Amino acid sequence: MRPRVILEEWQRLGIVNINENDEICLSKTAFVPEHSFNDKAQYFGRHIHDHLAACANNLLAETDPMLERSVYFSALTKESLAQLRTIAETQSQELLKKVNQHAQQLHTEDMGKPDATHRMRLGIYWYEKEKSSTP
């Protein structure tokens, strides 16, 4: 595909825009497919696989524990959830940016090395639900 075709498609999807200096700028902090169920399912499958594999590794103690942390609270108001979600989104985006920048640098340095055979994924999620009387 030609770069112009990709750029035009990303503009159509609202992923990028061109600013007053004729620079291509990201419009979103993340890309999550919004239209195609198949794209969403593929994205979901990759993430859930790695998340569950980290959990299974920690449960079975096959190697050193992998990062798998969460915070849980109940009996919160909708307003409190909104505050917490804002903090979570802001801070997690900063973490992801920092890890991504460092990973890009290391990826460049590791290119062509015979032992550059590993991959990683860092994911962050938020889940909320109104409590019910049933478990």
N, C-alpha and C. Protein backbone atom coordinates (compact mmCIF):
# COMPACT_ATOMS: atom_id res chain seq x y z
N MET A 1 0.84 -1.19 0.00
CA MET A 1 0.00 0.00 0.00
C MET A 1 0.87 1.25 0.00
N ARG A 2 0.41 2.22 -0.70
CA ARG A 2 1.12 3.49 -0.73
C ARG A 2 0.83 4.26 0.57
N PRO A 3 1.82 5.00 1.07
CA PRO A 3 1.63 5.76 2.32
C PRO A 3 0.45 6.72 2.26
N ARG A 4 0.21 7.33 1.12
CA ARG A 4 -0.90 8.30 0.99
C ARG A 4 -2.25 7.62 1.24
N VAL A 5 -2.40 6.40 0.76
CA VAL A 5 -3.64 5.65 0.96
C VAL A 5 -3.86 5.39 2.44
N ILE A 6 -2.79 5.00 3.13
CA ILE A 6 -2.89 4.75 4.57
C ILE A 6 -3.24 6.04 5.30
N LEU A 7 -2.56 7.13 4.95
CA LEU A 7 -2.83 8.42 5.58
C LEU A 7 -4.30 8.82 5.40
N GLU A 8 -4.80 8.71 4.20
CA GLU A 8 -6.18 9.10 3.92
C GLU A 8 -7.16 8.23 4.70
N GLU A 9 -6.87 6.94 4.83
CA GLU A 9 -7.75 6.06 5.59
C GLU A 9 -7.70 6.42 7.07
N TRP A 10 -6.52 6.70 7.59
CA TRP A 10 -6.40 7.10 9.00
C TRP A 10 -7.11 8.43 9.25
N GLN A 11 -7.06 9.34 8.28
CA GLN A 11 -7.80 10.60 8.42
C GLN A 11 -9.31 10.32 8.42
N ARG A 12 -9.76 9.45 7.54
CA ARG A 12 -11.18 9.11 7.47
C ARG A 12 -11.66 8.52 8.78
N LEU A 13 -10.82 7.67 9.40
CA LEU A 13 -11.18 7.03 10.66
C LEU A 13 -10.99 7.94 11.87
N GLY A 14 -10.40 9.11 11.65
CA GLY A 14 -10.18 10.04 12.75
C GLY A 14 -8.99 9.69 13.62
N ILE A 15 -8.08 8.86 13.10
CA ILE A 15 -6.91 8.45 13.86
C ILE A 15 -5.86 9.56 13.84
N VAL A 16 -5.71 10.25 12.70
CA VAL A 16 -4.73 11.32 12.56
C VAL A 16 -5.40 12.54 11.94
N ASN A 17 -4.72 13.67 12.12
CA ASN A 17 -5.11 14.89 11.42
C ASN A 17 -3.83 15.61 11.00
N ILE A 18 -3.96 16.56 10.09
CA ILE A 18 -2.81 17.34 9.65
C ILE A 18 -2.97 18.74 10.22
N ASN A 19 -1.96 19.18 11.00
CA ASN A 19 -2.06 20.47 11.67
C ASN A 19 -1.66 21.62 10.75
N GLU A 20 -1.66 22.84 11.31
CA GLU A 20 -1.36 24.04 10.52
C GLU A 20 0.06 24.07 9.99
N ASN A 21 0.97 23.26 10.57
CA ASN A 21 2.35 23.18 10.09
C ASN A 21 2.55 22.04 9.10
N ASP A 22 1.44 21.46 8.63
CA ASP A 22 1.46 20.34 7.69
C ASP A 22 2.12 19.09 8.29
N GLU A 23 1.96 18.92 9.62
CA GLU A 23 2.48 17.76 10.32
C GLU A 23 1.34 16.79 10.60
N ILE A 24 1.63 15.51 10.53
CA ILE A 24 0.64 14.48 10.82
C ILE A 24 0.63 14.27 12.33
N CYS A 25 -0.53 14.40 12.95
CA CYS A 25 -0.65 14.30 14.41
C CYS A 25 -1.70 13.25 14.75
N LEU A 26 -1.42 12.47 15.79
CA LEU A 26 -2.39 11.51 16.27
C LEU A 26 -3.58 12.24 16.87
N SER A 27 -4.78 11.79 16.55
CA SER A 27 -5.99 12.38 17.10
C SER A 27 -6.45 11.62 18.34
N LYS A 28 -6.01 10.40 18.46
CA LYS A 28 -6.41 9.54 19.57
C LYS A 28 -5.16 9.05 20.28
N THR A 29 -5.31 8.71 21.55
CA THR A 29 -4.17 8.19 22.30
C THR A 29 -4.01 6.69 22.11
N ALA A 30 -4.98 6.05 21.49
CA ALA A 30 -4.90 4.62 21.25
C ALA A 30 -5.76 4.27 20.06
N PHE A 31 -5.41 3.18 19.41
CA PHE A 31 -6.23 2.71 18.30
C PHE A 31 -6.94 1.43 18.71
N VAL A 32 -8.25 1.51 18.72
CA VAL A 32 -9.08 0.34 18.97
C VAL A 32 -10.08 0.30 17.82
N PRO A 33 -10.12 -0.79 17.07
CA PRO A 33 -11.06 -0.85 15.95
C PRO A 33 -12.49 -0.58 16.42
N GLU A 34 -13.19 0.29 15.70
CA GLU A 34 -14.53 0.67 16.12
C GLU A 34 -15.63 0.08 15.25
N HIS A 35 -15.29 -0.36 14.05
CA HIS A 35 -16.34 -0.74 13.12
C HIS A 35 -16.42 -2.24 12.85
N SER A 36 -15.31 -2.88 12.72
CA SER A 36 -15.31 -4.28 12.31
C SER A 36 -15.27 -5.22 13.50
N PHE A 37 -16.27 -6.09 13.59
CA PHE A 37 -16.28 -7.07 14.68
C PHE A 37 -15.07 -7.98 14.60
N ASN A 38 -14.67 -8.36 13.39
CA ASN A 38 -13.50 -9.25 13.23
C ASN A 38 -12.24 -8.59 13.75
N ASP A 39 -12.06 -7.28 13.46
CA ASP A 39 -10.89 -6.57 13.98
C ASP A 39 -10.94 -6.50 15.50
N LYS A 40 -12.11 -6.21 16.04
CA LYS A 40 -12.26 -6.15 17.50
C LYS A 40 -11.97 -7.51 18.13
N ALA A 41 -12.46 -8.57 17.50
CA ALA A 41 -12.26 -9.92 18.04
C ALA A 41 -10.79 -10.31 18.01
N GLN A 42 -10.10 -9.94 16.95
CA GLN A 42 -8.66 -10.25 16.87
C GLN A 42 -7.90 -9.49 17.95
N TYR A 43 -8.20 -8.23 18.13
CA TYR A 43 -7.59 -7.39 19.16
C TYR A 43 -7.87 -7.99 20.54
N PHE A 44 -9.11 -8.34 20.79
CA PHE A 44 -9.52 -8.97 22.05
C PHE A 44 -8.75 -10.26 22.29
N GLY A 45 -8.67 -11.10 21.28
CA GLY A 45 -8.01 -12.39 21.43
C GLY A 45 -6.54 -12.28 21.79
N ARG A 46 -5.85 -11.35 21.17
CA ARG A 46 -4.42 -11.17 21.49
C ARG A 46 -4.24 -10.70 22.92
N HIS A 47 -5.06 -9.77 23.34
CA HIS A 47 -4.92 -9.23 24.70
C HIS A 47 -5.34 -10.24 25.76
N ILE A 48 -6.45 -10.90 25.56
CA ILE A 48 -6.93 -11.84 26.58
C ILE A 48 -5.98 -13.03 26.69
N HIS A 49 -5.40 -13.46 25.57
CA HIS A 49 -4.43 -14.56 25.61
C HIS A 49 -3.26 -14.20 26.52
N ASP A 50 -2.67 -13.04 26.29
CA ASP A 50 -1.49 -12.66 27.07
C ASP A 50 -1.84 -12.41 28.53
N HIS A 51 -3.01 -11.82 28.79
CA HIS A 51 -3.42 -11.60 30.18
C HIS A 51 -3.61 -12.93 30.91
N LEU A 52 -4.33 -13.84 30.29
CA LEU A 52 -4.56 -15.15 30.92
C LEU A 52 -3.27 -15.96 31.03
N ALA A 53 -2.37 -15.83 30.06
CA ALA A 53 -1.10 -16.55 30.14
C ALA A 53 -0.27 -16.04 31.32
N ALA A 54 -0.29 -14.73 31.57
CA ALA A 54 0.42 -14.19 32.74
C ALA A 54 -0.21 -14.72 34.03
N CYS A 55 -1.54 -14.75 34.09
CA CYS A 55 -2.23 -15.29 35.28
C CYS A 55 -1.89 -16.76 35.48
N ALA A 56 -1.92 -17.53 34.41
CA ALA A 56 -1.62 -18.96 34.51
C ALA A 56 -0.18 -19.18 34.95
N ASN A 57 0.74 -18.38 34.40
CA ASN A 57 2.14 -18.48 34.81
C ASN A 57 2.26 -18.25 36.31
N ASN A 58 1.59 -17.23 36.82
CA ASN A 58 1.67 -16.92 38.24
C ASN A 58 1.00 -17.99 39.09
N LEU A 59 -0.08 -18.53 38.61
CA LEU A 59 -0.79 -19.58 39.34
C LEU A 59 0.03 -20.87 39.40
N LEU A 60 0.65 -21.22 38.29
CA LEU A 60 1.41 -22.46 38.20
C LEU A 60 2.87 -22.30 38.61
N ALA A 61 3.30 -21.06 38.83
CA ALA A 61 4.67 -20.76 39.23
C ALA A 61 5.69 -21.40 38.29
N GLU A 62 5.43 -21.29 36.97
CA GLU A 62 6.33 -21.87 35.97
C GLU A 62 7.63 -21.08 35.88
N THR A 63 7.57 -19.77 35.98
CA THR A 63 8.76 -18.91 35.95
C THR A 63 8.56 -17.84 37.02
N ASP A 64 9.44 -16.87 37.03
CA ASP A 64 9.26 -15.76 37.95
C ASP A 64 7.89 -15.14 37.73
N PRO A 65 7.26 -14.64 38.79
CA PRO A 65 5.92 -14.04 38.63
C PRO A 65 5.93 -12.90 37.61
N MET A 66 4.86 -12.83 36.84
CA MET A 66 4.68 -11.74 35.87
C MET A 66 3.79 -10.69 36.51
N LEU A 67 3.92 -9.47 36.01
CA LEU A 67 3.13 -8.36 36.54
C LEU A 67 1.64 -8.65 36.35
N GLU A 68 0.91 -8.69 37.44
CA GLU A 68 -0.53 -8.93 37.41
C GLU A 68 -1.08 -8.32 38.70
N ARG A 69 -1.52 -7.09 38.61
CA ARG A 69 -1.98 -6.36 39.79
C ARG A 69 -3.34 -5.75 39.52
N SER A 70 -4.09 -5.53 40.59
CA SER A 70 -5.36 -4.82 40.46
C SER A 70 -5.71 -4.16 41.79
N VAL A 71 -6.63 -3.24 41.71
CA VAL A 71 -7.18 -2.57 42.88
C VAL A 71 -8.68 -2.81 42.83
N TYR A 72 -9.27 -3.12 43.98
CA TYR A 72 -10.71 -3.40 44.01
C TYR A 72 -11.35 -2.64 45.16
N PHE A 73 -12.45 -1.96 44.88
CA PHE A 73 -13.27 -1.32 45.90
C PHE A 73 -14.72 -1.49 45.52
N SER A 74 -15.58 -1.56 46.52
CA SER A 74 -17.02 -1.57 46.28
C SER A 74 -17.66 -0.50 47.16
N ALA A 75 -18.94 -0.34 47.04
CA ALA A 75 -19.71 0.66 47.79
C ALA A 75 -19.23 2.08 47.48
N LEU A 76 -19.04 2.36 46.19
CA LEU A 76 -18.64 3.68 45.72
C LEU A 76 -19.79 4.31 44.95
N THR A 77 -19.84 5.63 44.93
CA THR A 77 -20.85 6.32 44.14
C THR A 77 -20.40 6.43 42.69
N LYS A 78 -21.34 6.75 41.83
CA LYS A 78 -21.02 6.94 40.42
C LYS A 78 -20.04 8.10 40.24
N GLU A 79 -20.19 9.13 41.06
CA GLU A 79 -19.28 10.28 41.01
C GLU A 79 -17.86 9.87 41.41
N SER A 80 -17.74 9.04 42.43
CA SER A 80 -16.42 8.56 42.86
C SER A 80 -15.78 7.72 41.76
N LEU A 81 -16.59 6.87 41.10
CA LEU A 81 -16.06 6.07 39.99
C LEU A 81 -15.53 6.97 38.88
N ALA A 82 -16.25 8.04 38.59
CA ALA A 82 -15.81 8.96 37.53
C ALA A 82 -14.46 9.58 37.87
N GLN A 83 -14.27 9.97 39.13
CA GLN A 83 -12.98 10.53 39.55
C GLN A 83 -11.87 9.50 39.42
N LEU A 84 -12.14 8.30 39.90
CA LEU A 84 -11.13 7.24 39.85
C LEU A 84 -10.79 6.86 38.41
N ARG A 85 -11.80 6.82 37.57
CA ARG A 85 -11.56 6.46 36.17
C ARG A 85 -10.68 7.51 35.49
N THR A 86 -10.92 8.77 35.78
CA THR A 86 -10.09 9.84 35.21
C THR A 86 -8.64 9.68 35.64
N ILE A 87 -8.42 9.41 36.92
CA ILE A 87 -7.05 9.18 37.40
C ILE A 87 -6.43 7.98 36.71
N ALA A 88 -7.18 6.89 36.62
CA ALA A 88 -6.67 5.67 36.00
C ALA A 88 -6.32 5.91 34.53
N GLU A 89 -7.18 6.58 33.80
CA GLU A 89 -6.92 6.83 32.38
C GLU A 89 -5.70 7.72 32.18
N THR A 90 -5.59 8.77 32.96
CA THR A 90 -4.47 9.69 32.83
C THR A 90 -3.15 9.02 33.19
N GLN A 91 -3.11 8.40 34.35
CA GLN A 91 -1.86 7.80 34.81
C GLN A 91 -1.46 6.59 33.97
N SER A 92 -2.43 5.78 33.56
CA SER A 92 -2.08 4.61 32.75
C SER A 92 -1.58 5.03 31.38
N GLN A 93 -2.14 6.09 30.81
CA GLN A 93 -1.66 6.58 29.52
C GLN A 93 -0.22 7.05 29.63
N GLU A 94 0.12 7.72 30.71
CA GLU A 94 1.49 8.17 30.92
C GLU A 94 2.44 6.98 31.03
N LEU A 95 2.04 5.96 31.78
CA LEU A 95 2.86 4.76 31.91
C LEU A 95 3.07 4.09 30.55
N LEU A 96 1.99 3.92 29.79
CA LEU A 96 2.09 3.28 28.49
C LEU A 96 3.00 4.06 27.55
N LYS A 97 2.90 5.39 27.56
CA LYS A 97 3.78 6.21 26.73
C LYS A 97 5.25 6.01 27.11
N LYS A 98 5.52 6.02 28.41
CA LYS A 98 6.89 5.87 28.89
C LYS A 98 7.46 4.51 28.51
N VAL A 99 6.70 3.45 28.73
CA VAL A 99 7.16 2.11 28.38
C VAL A 99 7.33 1.99 26.87
N ASN A 100 6.41 2.55 26.11
CA ASN A 100 6.49 2.49 24.65
C ASN A 100 7.75 3.19 24.14
N GLN A 101 8.05 4.37 24.66
CA GLN A 101 9.25 5.09 24.22
C GLN A 101 10.51 4.28 24.50
N HIS A 102 10.59 3.73 25.69
CA HIS A 102 11.77 2.94 26.06
C HIS A 102 11.84 1.66 25.22
N ALA A 103 10.69 1.03 25.00
CA ALA A 103 10.66 -0.19 24.20
C ALA A 103 11.09 0.09 22.76
N GLN A 104 10.68 1.22 22.21
CA GLN A 104 11.10 1.56 20.84
C GLN A 104 12.61 1.70 20.76
N GLN A 105 13.20 2.32 21.75
CA GLN A 105 14.66 2.49 21.78
C GLN A 105 15.34 1.13 21.88
N LEU A 106 14.88 0.28 22.80
CA LEU A 106 15.48 -1.04 22.96
C LEU A 106 15.27 -1.91 21.73
N HIS A 107 14.10 -1.80 21.11
CA HIS A 107 13.81 -2.56 19.90
C HIS A 107 14.81 -2.21 18.80
N THR A 108 15.09 -0.93 18.65
CA THR A 108 16.07 -0.49 17.65
C THR A 108 17.45 -1.05 17.98
N GLU A 109 17.83 -1.00 19.24
CA GLU A 109 19.14 -1.51 19.66
C GLU A 109 19.24 -3.03 19.50
N ASP A 110 18.14 -3.73 19.70
CA ASP A 110 18.14 -5.20 19.67
C ASP A 110 18.00 -5.78 18.27
N MET A 111 17.62 -4.97 17.30
CA MET A 111 17.42 -5.49 15.94
C MET A 111 18.66 -6.22 15.45
N GLY A 112 18.46 -7.42 14.94
CA GLY A 112 19.55 -8.20 14.37
C GLY A 112 20.31 -9.05 15.37
N LYS A 113 20.04 -8.88 16.66
CA LYS A 113 20.73 -9.70 17.65
C LYS A 113 20.13 -11.11 17.63
N PRO A 114 20.96 -12.14 17.68
CA PRO A 114 20.44 -13.50 17.59
C PRO A 114 19.52 -13.88 18.75
N ASP A 115 19.66 -13.25 19.89
CA ASP A 115 18.81 -13.59 21.03
C ASP A 115 17.60 -12.66 21.16
N ALA A 116 17.34 -11.86 20.16
CA ALA A 116 16.17 -10.97 20.17
C ALA A 116 14.94 -11.76 19.71
N THR A 117 14.51 -12.69 20.56
CA THR A 117 13.42 -13.61 20.21
C THR A 117 12.23 -13.48 21.16
N HIS A 118 12.21 -12.47 21.99
CA HIS A 118 11.15 -12.35 23.00
C HIS A 118 10.19 -11.22 22.64
N ARG A 119 8.98 -11.32 23.17
CA ARG A 119 7.99 -10.27 22.99
C ARG A 119 7.37 -9.95 24.34
N MET A 120 6.70 -8.83 24.42
CA MET A 120 6.04 -8.45 25.66
C MET A 120 4.75 -7.69 25.34
N ARG A 121 3.89 -7.61 26.33
CA ARG A 121 2.68 -6.79 26.22
C ARG A 121 2.38 -6.27 27.62
N LEU A 122 2.13 -5.00 27.72
CA LEU A 122 1.66 -4.39 28.95
C LEU A 122 0.27 -3.86 28.68
N GLY A 123 -0.70 -4.35 29.40
CA GLY A 123 -2.07 -3.92 29.21
C GLY A 123 -2.66 -3.41 30.50
N ILE A 124 -3.58 -2.49 30.38
CA ILE A 124 -4.25 -1.92 31.55
C ILE A 124 -5.74 -1.94 31.24
N TYR A 125 -6.54 -2.30 32.22
CA TYR A 125 -7.97 -2.32 31.99
C TYR A 125 -8.72 -1.66 33.13
N TRP A 126 -9.93 -1.28 32.85
CA TRP A 126 -10.84 -0.71 33.84
C TRP A 126 -12.15 -1.46 33.70
N TYR A 127 -12.73 -1.85 34.81
CA TYR A 127 -14.04 -2.50 34.78
C TYR A 127 -14.86 -1.92 35.92
N GLU A 128 -16.12 -1.62 35.63
CA GLU A 128 -17.02 -1.17 36.68
C GLU A 128 -18.40 -1.74 36.43
N LYS A 129 -19.12 -1.93 37.52
CA LYS A 129 -20.46 -2.48 37.42
C LYS A 129 -21.21 -2.13 38.69
N GLU A 130 -22.49 -1.91 38.55
CA GLU A 130 -23.32 -1.67 39.72
C GLU A 130 -23.46 -3.00 40.48
N LYS A 131 -23.32 -2.92 41.80
CA LYS A 131 -23.43 -4.13 42.61
C LYS A 131 -24.85 -4.66 42.52
N SER A 132 -24.96 -5.98 42.55
CA SER A 132 -26.27 -6.61 42.58
C SER A 132 -26.36 -7.45 43.84
N SER A 133 -27.54 -7.92 44.12
CA SER A 133 -27.73 -8.71 45.33
C SER A 133 -27.24 -10.15 45.13
N THR A 134 -26.99 -10.55 43.88
CA THR A 134 -26.49 -11.89 43.61
C THR A 134 -24.99 -11.83 43.36
N PRO A 135 -24.26 -12.86 43.72
CA PRO A 135 -22.79 -12.85 43.53
C PRO A 135 -22.36 -12.81 42.08
